[in-house]
Amino acid sequence: KDSIPGGIYLVVMPDKGSYFEVVVDGIEKRIVLETNFGALVEDMKVKESKENEIFYQFQTTMGEKGILAEPYRKKMAEYRADTTGSKTDSLKIVTDEINKINDDVISYKQEFIKSNEGTFVSKIFKTSQEPEVPDNDELKGEELNEWNYIYFKDHYLDDVDFTDERLLRTPILGKKIEYYLDKLTLQIPDSVNKVADMMAEKARPNPVVFKYVVHWITNHYEKSKIMGMDGVFVHMADNYYCVEGGATWLDSTTTKKICDRAETLTPLLIGKVAQNIILPDTSEKEWYNMNEIKAELTVLVFWSPTCGHCKKAIPQLNKEVHQVYKDSGVFVFGVCTELENVQMKSFIKTHKLEFLNVSDSKEINENAYDYLGKGLTTLNSLNFRTIYDIFSTPQVYVLDKDKKIIAKKLGIEQLPDFIKDYKRMKLEESVKDK
């Protein structure tokens, strides 16, 4: 009796394992279904509801076609498992039969969508379709593959109505968004940001879908394991949360947290010039300015002698990065995060670390104004833990010759391969320029 938003709903039985689906278009006032436990879908009879009548008609037909194809699929698996090669002709015959059934399924689905146009069920199936790439006899090889990819991507969202919030309550729209972003979009911030803006604009007319799209993209890329994807989170925060009339569905406290997080990450994005650090080495007499270090690559690493992971990773950094690349333009700039640096000195001595290590200390922090007044350091240098978002160790940033961030959050074990790839890329660029 209560109205519920349109979508596909599950009616789940008390055993928690048996269920059937009900299509709610948000328009029909009454839906009456009758079936038997143990054969919920097979015995389904739709008493009242055009939407569910055609939905279960479709399900029944597709089930019949699946049964028709099953013997061929079993034969295909059997023939493919044969290593003698004697089943090649039989395999081709079976494959052709399956292809015929698949073509029949596609034709049936297209005709179903057309003949039931205007219904919610038709829209669901139309949305779920993938574009059929036409033949292109003018291209071959890689050019054809690229053309196929571009065509597929350009038409993937053609039949997706971002203004119909009912699609959010189906398995379709969310999967479409995820697939387009993860599989069809180059995983670099600029490319993802363009797609994010495109989807947000398509969804903007419907506040519910707009909220879903903006929230999903922001959350997805905030948690991404791909390096540099925090650039997407910052883009979403700057354009959809931290602007006038932004994320109206959030309270001011939550919005502020997102904006503060974006503000912290902005100077740490790939391509930004790293914030300078001026701190003393273990002698506490010699001060080092990171910006004055001339190197093709600077490996900036934040570590702690009490960190379990650092106890293995930092000696590995010394051996596999510093010792191998110190004479070929790679400088390791270590920053200890502990205020009490007695353990730091002991760790460096025990593990015979050869690369430069600097740190602040309790004494420097307590007398910060004196050191700042003498021009020995900077406020950002003393606040490096906040500036560089150091919440765990080790943390690695790789900087180019201009001290721009070109990589971050790498594991120590990943650095040798990254350095090799970077040097190879630079060599190829120099050869190309000549």
Protein backbone atom coordinates (compact mmCIF):
# COMPACT_ATOMS: atom_id res chain seq x y z
CA LYS A 1 0.00 0.00 0.00
CA ASP A 2 2.90 2.34 0.61
CA SER A 3 4.47 3.85 -2.49
CA ILE A 4 8.10 2.95 -3.07
CA PRO A 5 10.59 4.44 -5.55
CA GLY A 6 10.86 2.74 -8.93
CA GLY A 7 13.47 0.05 -9.42
CA ILE A 8 13.98 -3.71 -9.29
CA TYR A 9 13.28 -5.19 -5.86
CA LEU A 10 13.94 -8.62 -4.41
CA VAL A 11 11.32 -10.51 -2.43
CA VAL A 12 13.46 -12.71 -0.19
CA MET A 13 12.05 -15.84 1.45
CA PRO A 14 12.60 -16.73 5.13
CA ASP A 15 15.36 -19.19 4.16
CA LYS A 16 17.37 -16.10 3.01
CA GLY A 17 18.47 -18.00 -0.08
CA SER A 18 15.35 -18.06 -2.24
CA TYR A 19 14.06 -14.89 -3.86
CA PHE A 20 12.32 -13.47 -6.89
CA GLU A 21 12.43 -10.06 -8.53
CA VAL A 22 9.68 -7.48 -8.79
CA VAL A 23 9.82 -4.56 -11.22
CA VAL A 24 8.40 -1.35 -9.78
CA ASP A 25 8.06 1.46 -12.31
CA GLY A 26 6.74 3.99 -9.81
CA ILE A 27 3.55 4.40 -11.84
CA GLU A 28 1.59 1.15 -11.44
CA LYS A 29 -0.56 1.32 -8.32
CA ARG A 30 -1.03 -2.42 -7.87
CA ILE A 31 1.19 -5.45 -8.48
CA VAL A 32 -0.13 -8.97 -7.89
CA LEU A 33 2.10 -12.03 -8.40
CA GLU A 34 1.51 -15.69 -7.59
CA THR A 35 4.13 -18.44 -7.43
CA ASN A 36 5.25 -21.53 -5.54
CA PHE A 37 8.09 -21.82 -3.06
CA GLY A 38 10.76 -24.06 -4.55
CA ALA A 39 10.07 -22.83 -8.09
CA LEU A 40 9.64 -19.12 -7.54
CA VAL A 41 10.65 -17.98 -11.02
CA GLU A 42 9.56 -21.05 -12.98
CA ASP A 43 6.00 -21.01 -11.59
CA MET A 44 5.58 -17.24 -11.57
CA LYS A 45 2.15 -16.02 -12.67
CA VAL A 46 1.63 -12.29 -13.02
CA LYS A 47 -1.97 -11.44 -12.09
CA GLU A 48 -1.73 -7.66 -12.26
CA SER A 49 1.21 -5.58 -13.65
CA LYS A 50 2.15 -5.03 -17.26
CA GLU A 51 5.77 -4.34 -16.28
CA ASN A 52 6.19 -7.67 -14.50
CA GLU A 53 4.24 -9.54 -17.16
CA ILE A 54 6.71 -8.57 -19.89
CA PHE A 55 9.65 -8.90 -17.47
CA TYR A 56 8.85 -12.52 -16.68
CA GLN A 57 7.99 -13.19 -20.30
CA PHE A 58 11.51 -12.07 -21.18
CA GLN A 59 13.03 -14.15 -18.35
CA THR A 60 11.14 -17.26 -19.50
CA THR A 61 12.23 -16.89 -23.14
CA MET A 62 15.85 -16.26 -22.17
CA GLY A 63 15.78 -19.29 -19.90
CA GLU A 64 14.52 -21.44 -22.78
CA LYS A 65 17.29 -20.20 -25.03
CA GLY A 66 19.81 -20.92 -22.29
CA ILE A 67 18.55 -24.50 -22.02
CA LEU A 68 18.82 -24.82 -25.80
CA ALA A 69 22.45 -23.68 -25.72
CA GLU A 70 23.55 -25.80 -22.75
CA PRO A 71 24.26 -29.08 -24.65
CA TYR A 72 26.36 -27.19 -27.16
CA ARG A 73 28.35 -25.50 -24.39
CA LYS A 74 29.11 -28.87 -22.82
CA LYS A 75 30.23 -30.24 -26.19
CA MET A 76 32.38 -27.16 -26.73
CA ALA A 77 34.13 -27.67 -23.38
CA GLU A 78 34.66 -31.34 -24.22
CA TYR A 79 36.13 -30.61 -27.68
CA ARG A 80 38.38 -27.83 -26.39
CA ALA A 81 39.79 -30.19 -23.76
CA ASP A 82 40.83 -32.62 -26.49
CA THR A 83 44.52 -32.10 -27.24
CA THR A 84 44.75 -34.48 -30.22
CA GLY A 85 43.33 -31.96 -32.67
CA SER A 86 40.83 -34.51 -33.98
CA LYS A 87 37.85 -32.48 -32.75
CA THR A 88 38.63 -29.29 -34.67
CA ASP A 89 35.84 -29.71 -37.22
CA SER A 90 33.35 -30.75 -34.54
CA LEU A 91 34.35 -27.74 -32.45
CA LYS A 92 33.67 -25.43 -35.38
CA ILE A 93 30.21 -26.92 -35.91
CA VAL A 94 29.31 -26.55 -32.23
CA THR A 95 30.71 -22.99 -32.14
CA ASP A 96 28.60 -22.04 -35.16
CA GLU A 97 25.49 -23.41 -33.46
CA ILE A 98 26.19 -21.42 -30.30
CA ASN A 99 26.78 -18.30 -32.38
CA LYS A 100 23.42 -18.81 -34.07
CA ILE A 101 21.71 -19.03 -30.69
CA ASN A 102 23.59 -15.92 -29.49
CA ASP A 103 22.52 -14.02 -32.61
CA ASP A 104 18.95 -15.14 -31.98
CA VAL A 105 19.18 -13.90 -28.38
CA ILE A 106 20.44 -10.50 -29.55
CA SER A 107 17.66 -10.22 -32.15
CA TYR A 108 15.03 -11.22 -29.61
CA LYS A 109 16.31 -8.69 -27.07
CA GLN A 110 16.34 -5.88 -29.64
CA GLU A 111 12.82 -6.73 -30.82
CA PHE A 112 11.65 -6.97 -27.19
CA ILE A 113 13.02 -3.50 -26.40
CA LYS A 114 11.42 -2.02 -29.52
CA SER A 115 8.01 -3.63 -29.08
CA ASN A 116 7.80 -2.61 -25.41
CA GLU A 117 9.13 0.91 -25.81
CA GLY A 118 7.89 3.25 -23.10
CA THR A 119 7.94 0.64 -20.34
CA PHE A 120 10.47 0.67 -17.51
CA VAL A 121 11.48 -2.92 -18.33
CA SER A 122 12.35 -1.90 -21.88
CA LYS A 123 14.47 0.97 -20.56
CA ILE A 124 16.32 -1.38 -18.20
CA PHE A 125 17.30 -3.76 -21.00
CA LYS A 126 18.07 -0.91 -23.38
CA THR A 127 20.39 0.63 -20.77
CA SER A 128 22.14 -2.69 -20.20
CA GLN A 129 23.00 -3.12 -23.88
CA GLU A 130 26.54 -2.61 -25.12
CA PRO A 131 27.12 -0.87 -28.45
CA GLU A 132 27.58 -3.12 -31.46
CA VAL A 133 30.75 -2.06 -33.26
CA PRO A 134 30.26 -2.01 -37.05
CA ASP A 135 32.75 -3.59 -39.45
CA ASN A 136 35.49 -1.36 -40.81
CA ASP A 137 37.21 -2.96 -43.81
CA GLU A 138 39.47 0.06 -44.37
CA LEU A 139 41.59 -0.56 -41.28
CA LYS A 140 43.67 -3.49 -40.03
CA GLY A 141 45.76 -4.51 -37.04
CA GLU A 142 46.37 -1.94 -34.30
CA GLU A 143 44.57 0.81 -36.20
CA LEU A 144 41.43 -1.33 -36.38
CA ASN A 145 41.69 -2.23 -32.69
CA GLU A 146 42.01 1.45 -31.79
CA TRP A 147 39.06 2.38 -34.00
CA ASN A 148 36.93 -0.37 -32.43
CA TYR A 149 37.85 0.84 -28.94
CA ILE A 150 37.06 4.48 -29.70
CA TYR A 151 33.73 3.60 -31.31
CA PHE A 152 32.75 1.35 -28.38
CA LYS A 153 33.69 4.03 -25.84
CA ASP A 154 31.99 6.85 -27.73
CA HIS A 155 28.70 4.94 -27.87
CA TYR A 156 28.82 3.06 -24.55
CA LEU A 157 26.57 5.56 -22.77
CA ASP A 158 24.26 6.34 -25.70
CA ASP A 159 21.23 4.60 -24.17
CA VAL A 160 21.89 5.55 -20.54
CA ASP A 161 19.36 7.99 -19.11
CA PHE A 162 21.21 9.69 -16.26
CA THR A 163 18.06 11.60 -15.32
CA ASP A 164 16.02 8.50 -14.42
CA GLU A 165 16.74 7.72 -10.77
CA ARG A 166 14.86 4.41 -11.00
CA LEU A 167 17.93 2.99 -12.75
CA LEU A 168 19.91 3.51 -9.55
CA ARG A 169 17.76 0.79 -7.96
CA THR A 170 18.73 -1.74 -10.61
CA PRO A 171 22.06 -3.49 -11.13
CA ILE A 172 22.57 -1.51 -14.36
CA LEU A 173 23.51 2.14 -13.89
CA GLY A 174 26.16 1.66 -11.21
CA LYS A 175 27.89 -1.03 -13.27
CA LYS A 176 27.82 1.17 -16.37
CA ILE A 177 29.48 4.04 -14.52
CA GLU A 178 32.12 1.79 -12.98
CA TYR A 179 32.96 0.01 -16.25
CA TYR A 180 33.24 3.24 -18.23
CA LEU A 181 35.55 4.83 -15.67
CA ASP A 182 37.68 1.79 -14.81
CA LYS A 183 37.88 -0.02 -18.16
CA LEU A 184 37.28 2.57 -20.89
CA THR A 185 39.03 5.60 -19.39
CA LEU A 186 42.80 6.07 -19.25
CA GLN A 187 43.72 5.98 -15.56
CA ILE A 188 45.32 9.39 -15.29
CA PRO A 189 43.64 12.27 -13.42
CA ASP A 190 43.10 14.53 -16.45
CA SER A 191 41.25 11.81 -18.38
CA VAL A 192 39.19 10.66 -15.40
CA ASN A 193 38.31 14.25 -14.45
CA LYS A 194 36.90 14.93 -17.93
CA VAL A 195 34.71 11.83 -17.72
CA ALA A 196 33.64 12.70 -14.17
CA ASP A 197 32.51 16.15 -15.30
CA MET A 198 30.70 14.68 -18.31
CA MET A 199 28.78 12.20 -16.14
CA ALA A 200 27.98 14.81 -13.50
CA GLU A 201 26.54 17.14 -16.13
CA LYS A 202 24.42 14.34 -17.59
CA ALA A 203 23.08 13.59 -14.11
CA ARG A 204 22.70 17.19 -12.88
CA PRO A 205 18.99 17.51 -13.87
CA ASN A 206 18.14 14.78 -11.34
CA PRO A 207 19.41 15.60 -7.80
CA VAL A 208 19.34 11.94 -6.70
CA VAL A 209 21.40 10.64 -9.63
CA PHE A 210 23.70 13.67 -9.44
CA LYS A 211 24.40 12.93 -5.79
CA TYR A 212 25.09 9.28 -6.60
CA VAL A 213 27.48 10.06 -9.47
CA VAL A 214 29.42 12.72 -7.55
CA HIS A 215 29.63 10.64 -4.37
CA TRP A 216 30.57 7.41 -6.17
CA ILE A 217 33.40 8.99 -8.18
CA THR A 218 34.75 10.93 -5.19
CA ASN A 219 34.70 7.91 -2.90
CA HIS A 220 36.05 5.53 -5.55
CA TYR A 221 39.13 7.60 -6.33
CA GLU A 222 39.79 8.65 -2.76
CA LYS A 223 40.34 4.94 -2.04
CA SER A 224 42.13 4.16 -5.31
CA LYS A 225 45.41 2.23 -5.14
CA ILE A 226 46.56 3.74 -8.45
CA MET A 227 49.24 6.38 -8.00
CA GLY A 228 48.08 9.91 -8.66
CA MET A 229 44.35 9.24 -8.44
CA ASP A 230 44.09 11.56 -5.45
CA GLY A 231 44.08 14.20 -8.19
CA VAL A 232 40.54 13.04 -9.03
CA PHE A 233 39.46 13.36 -5.39
CA VAL A 234 40.83 16.92 -5.27
CA HIS A 235 39.08 17.77 -8.55
CA MET A 236 35.75 16.47 -7.26
CA ALA A 237 36.16 18.30 -3.95
CA ASP A 238 37.07 21.60 -5.62
CA ASN A 239 34.25 21.46 -8.17
CA TYR A 240 31.37 19.71 -6.39
CA TYR A 241 31.85 20.06 -2.61
CA CYS A 242 33.87 23.16 -1.82
CA VAL A 243 31.84 25.55 -3.98
CA GLU A 244 28.75 27.59 -3.28
CA GLY A 245 25.67 25.40 -3.60
CA GLY A 246 27.86 22.28 -3.68
CA ALA A 247 27.04 18.96 -2.00
CA THR A 248 23.76 20.02 -0.41
CA TRP A 249 23.15 16.51 0.87
CA LEU A 250 26.03 16.80 3.36
CA ASP A 251 26.19 18.72 6.61
CA SER A 252 28.77 21.49 6.98
CA THR A 253 31.07 19.41 9.19
CA THR A 254 31.41 16.60 6.65
CA THR A 255 31.87 19.05 3.79
CA LYS A 256 34.63 20.82 5.72
CA LYS A 257 36.45 17.52 6.26
CA ILE A 258 36.41 16.84 2.52
CA CYS A 259 37.60 20.36 1.70
CA ASP A 260 40.35 20.25 4.33
CA ARG A 261 41.52 16.92 2.96
CA ALA A 262 41.60 18.31 -0.59
CA GLU A 263 43.57 21.33 0.62
CA THR A 264 46.15 19.03 2.22
CA LEU A 265 46.51 16.89 -0.90
CA THR A 266 46.64 19.71 -3.48
CA PRO A 267 50.34 20.61 -3.05
CA LEU A 268 51.22 16.90 -3.05
CA LEU A 269 49.69 16.02 -6.41
CA ILE A 270 51.76 14.56 -9.23
CA GLY A 271 53.29 17.45 -11.19
CA LYS A 272 53.41 19.88 -8.26
CA VAL A 273 56.75 21.29 -7.08
CA ALA A 274 57.59 19.62 -3.78
CA GLN A 275 57.63 21.77 -0.65
CA ASN A 276 61.21 22.48 0.35
CA ILE A 277 62.75 20.97 3.49
CA ILE A 278 65.72 22.52 5.33
CA LEU A 279 66.84 20.47 8.34
CA PRO A 280 70.11 19.37 10.00
CA ASP A 281 71.80 16.01 9.57
CA THR A 282 72.67 13.67 12.44
CA SER A 283 75.47 15.97 13.63
CA GLU A 284 72.81 18.65 14.19
CA LYS A 285 75.36 21.18 12.95
CA GLU A 286 75.17 20.85 9.17
CA TRP A 287 71.88 22.04 7.64
CA TYR A 288 70.74 20.75 4.25
CA ASN A 289 68.42 22.52 1.80
CA MET A 290 66.64 19.99 -0.39
CA ASN A 291 66.09 22.52 -3.17
CA GLU A 292 69.83 23.14 -3.45
CA ILE A 293 70.59 19.48 -4.12
CA LYS A 294 71.37 18.98 -7.80
CA ALA A 295 70.15 15.60 -8.99
CA GLU A 296 68.29 14.07 -11.91
CA LEU A 297 66.05 12.35 -9.37
CA THR A 298 65.58 12.98 -5.68
CA VAL A 299 64.10 10.17 -3.62
CA LEU A 300 62.49 11.88 -0.65
CA VAL A 301 61.74 9.29 2.02
CA PHE A 302 60.14 9.81 5.42
CA TRP A 303 60.94 7.06 7.89
CA SER A 304 61.08 6.15 11.57
CA PRO A 305 63.51 3.86 13.40
CA THR A 306 60.59 2.49 15.45
CA CYS A 307 58.52 1.55 12.38
CA GLY A 308 58.46 -2.21 11.77
CA HIS A 309 58.31 -1.87 7.99
CA CYS A 310 61.12 0.71 7.98
CA LYS A 311 63.48 -1.71 9.72
CA LYS A 312 63.49 -3.79 6.53
CA ALA A 313 62.75 -1.17 3.89
CA ILE A 314 65.29 1.53 4.79
CA PRO A 315 68.37 -0.77 4.65
CA GLN A 316 66.93 -2.07 1.35
CA LEU A 317 66.71 1.54 0.12
CA ASN A 318 70.36 2.07 1.03
CA LYS A 319 71.51 -1.07 -0.76
CA GLU A 320 69.28 -1.23 -3.85
CA VAL A 321 68.82 2.46 -4.59
CA HIS A 322 71.49 4.64 -3.00
CA GLN A 323 74.46 2.35 -3.58
CA VAL A 324 73.35 1.40 -7.10
CA TYR A 325 72.31 4.84 -8.42
CA LYS A 326 74.24 7.39 -6.32
CA ASP A 327 76.71 7.98 -9.17
CA SER A 328 74.06 8.24 -11.88
CA GLY A 329 72.05 11.23 -10.77
CA VAL A 330 69.86 9.78 -8.00
CA PHE A 331 69.99 11.40 -4.56
CA VAL A 332 68.26 9.89 -1.53
CA PHE A 333 67.06 12.51 0.95
CA GLY A 334 65.95 10.81 4.16
CA VAL A 335 63.80 12.57 6.75
CA CYS A 336 63.35 10.97 10.16
CA THR A 337 59.90 11.60 11.64
CA GLU A 338 60.86 11.04 15.30
CA LEU A 339 61.58 14.09 17.49
CA GLU A 340 63.87 12.04 19.69
CA ASN A 341 66.69 11.23 17.27
CA VAL A 342 68.83 9.00 19.49
CA GLN A 343 67.26 5.89 17.96
CA MET A 344 67.66 7.38 14.50
CA LYS A 345 71.41 7.76 14.99
CA SER A 346 71.67 4.24 16.35
CA PHE A 347 69.67 2.82 13.41
CA ILE A 348 71.86 4.64 10.87
CA LYS A 349 75.01 3.35 12.53
CA THR A 350 73.74 -0.22 12.93
CA HIS A 351 72.60 -0.53 9.31
CA LYS A 352 75.47 1.55 7.89
CA LEU A 353 73.17 3.89 6.01
CA GLU A 354 75.17 6.00 3.59
CA PHE A 355 72.51 8.35 2.19
CA LEU A 356 71.75 11.75 3.72
CA ASN A 357 69.38 11.76 6.68
CA VAL A 358 68.01 14.89 8.31
CA SER A 359 65.54 15.50 11.12
CA ASP A 360 64.16 18.12 13.40
CA SER A 361 64.44 17.49 17.10
CA LYS A 362 62.68 18.31 20.30
CA GLU A 363 65.15 21.11 20.96
CA ILE A 364 64.68 22.65 17.50
CA ASN A 365 60.89 22.54 17.81
CA GLU A 366 60.87 24.03 21.30
CA ASN A 367 63.08 26.89 20.07
CA ALA A 368 61.61 27.19 16.61
CA TYR A 369 61.50 30.99 16.62
CA ASP A 370 65.23 31.17 17.25
CA TYR A 371 66.04 28.90 14.33
CA LEU A 372 63.53 30.65 12.07
CA GLY A 373 64.91 34.02 13.10
CA LYS A 374 68.43 32.97 12.17
CA GLY A 375 67.22 31.87 8.75
CA LEU A 376 68.40 28.30 9.31
CA THR A 377 65.07 26.70 8.42
CA THR A 378 61.48 27.44 7.41
CA LEU A 379 58.09 26.98 9.01
CA ASN A 380 57.12 24.41 6.36
CA SER A 381 60.30 22.45 7.10
CA LEU A 382 59.39 22.20 10.78
CA ASN A 383 55.83 21.25 9.84
CA PHE A 384 56.85 18.61 7.28
CA ARG A 385 54.68 15.94 8.90
CA THR A 386 51.55 17.97 8.15
CA ILE A 387 52.77 19.43 4.86
CA TYR A 388 53.61 15.98 3.48
CA ASP A 389 50.61 14.23 5.05
CA ILE A 390 52.79 11.77 6.96
CA PHE A 391 50.42 9.44 8.81
CA SER A 392 52.52 6.28 8.40
CA THR A 393 56.06 5.37 7.42
CA PRO A 394 57.89 4.85 5.20
CA GLN A 395 56.48 7.41 2.75
CA VAL A 396 58.26 7.97 -0.57
CA TYR A 397 58.14 10.86 -3.04
CA VAL A 398 60.22 10.87 -6.21
CA LEU A 399 61.16 14.32 -7.54
CA ASP A 400 62.63 15.25 -10.93
CA LYS A 401 65.53 17.68 -11.47
CA ASP A 402 63.17 20.63 -10.93
CA LYS A 403 61.87 19.06 -7.71
CA LYS A 404 58.48 18.32 -9.25
CA ILE A 405 56.70 15.28 -7.83
CA ILE A 406 56.70 12.54 -10.48
CA ALA A 407 55.84 9.58 -8.24
CA LYS A 408 54.72 8.96 -4.68
CA LYS A 409 53.51 6.32 -2.26
CA LEU A 410 55.79 3.78 -3.94
CA GLY A 411 57.08 0.82 -1.99
CA ILE A 412 60.84 0.80 -1.53
CA GLU A 413 60.95 -2.43 -3.54
CA GLN A 414 59.33 -0.62 -6.49
CA LEU A 415 61.93 2.15 -6.70
CA PRO A 416 64.64 0.31 -8.71
CA ASP A 417 62.19 -0.56 -11.50
CA PHE A 418 60.74 2.96 -11.47
CA ILE A 419 64.21 4.51 -11.76
CA LYS A 420 65.16 2.16 -14.61
CA ASP A 421 61.95 2.96 -16.49
CA TYR A 422 62.38 6.69 -15.93
CA LYS A 423 65.97 6.69 -17.18
CA ARG A 424 65.01 4.60 -20.22
CA MET A 425 62.16 7.00 -21.01
CA LYS A 426 64.47 10.02 -20.74
CA LEU A 427 67.03 8.34 -22.99
CA GLU A 428 64.39 7.59 -25.61
CA GLU A 429 63.18 11.19 -25.46
CA SER A 430 66.70 12.55 -25.96
CA VAL A 431 67.31 10.25 -28.93
CA LYS A 432 63.97 11.27 -30.43
CA ASP A 433 64.80 14.97 -30.01
CA LYS A 434 68.11 14.48 -31.86
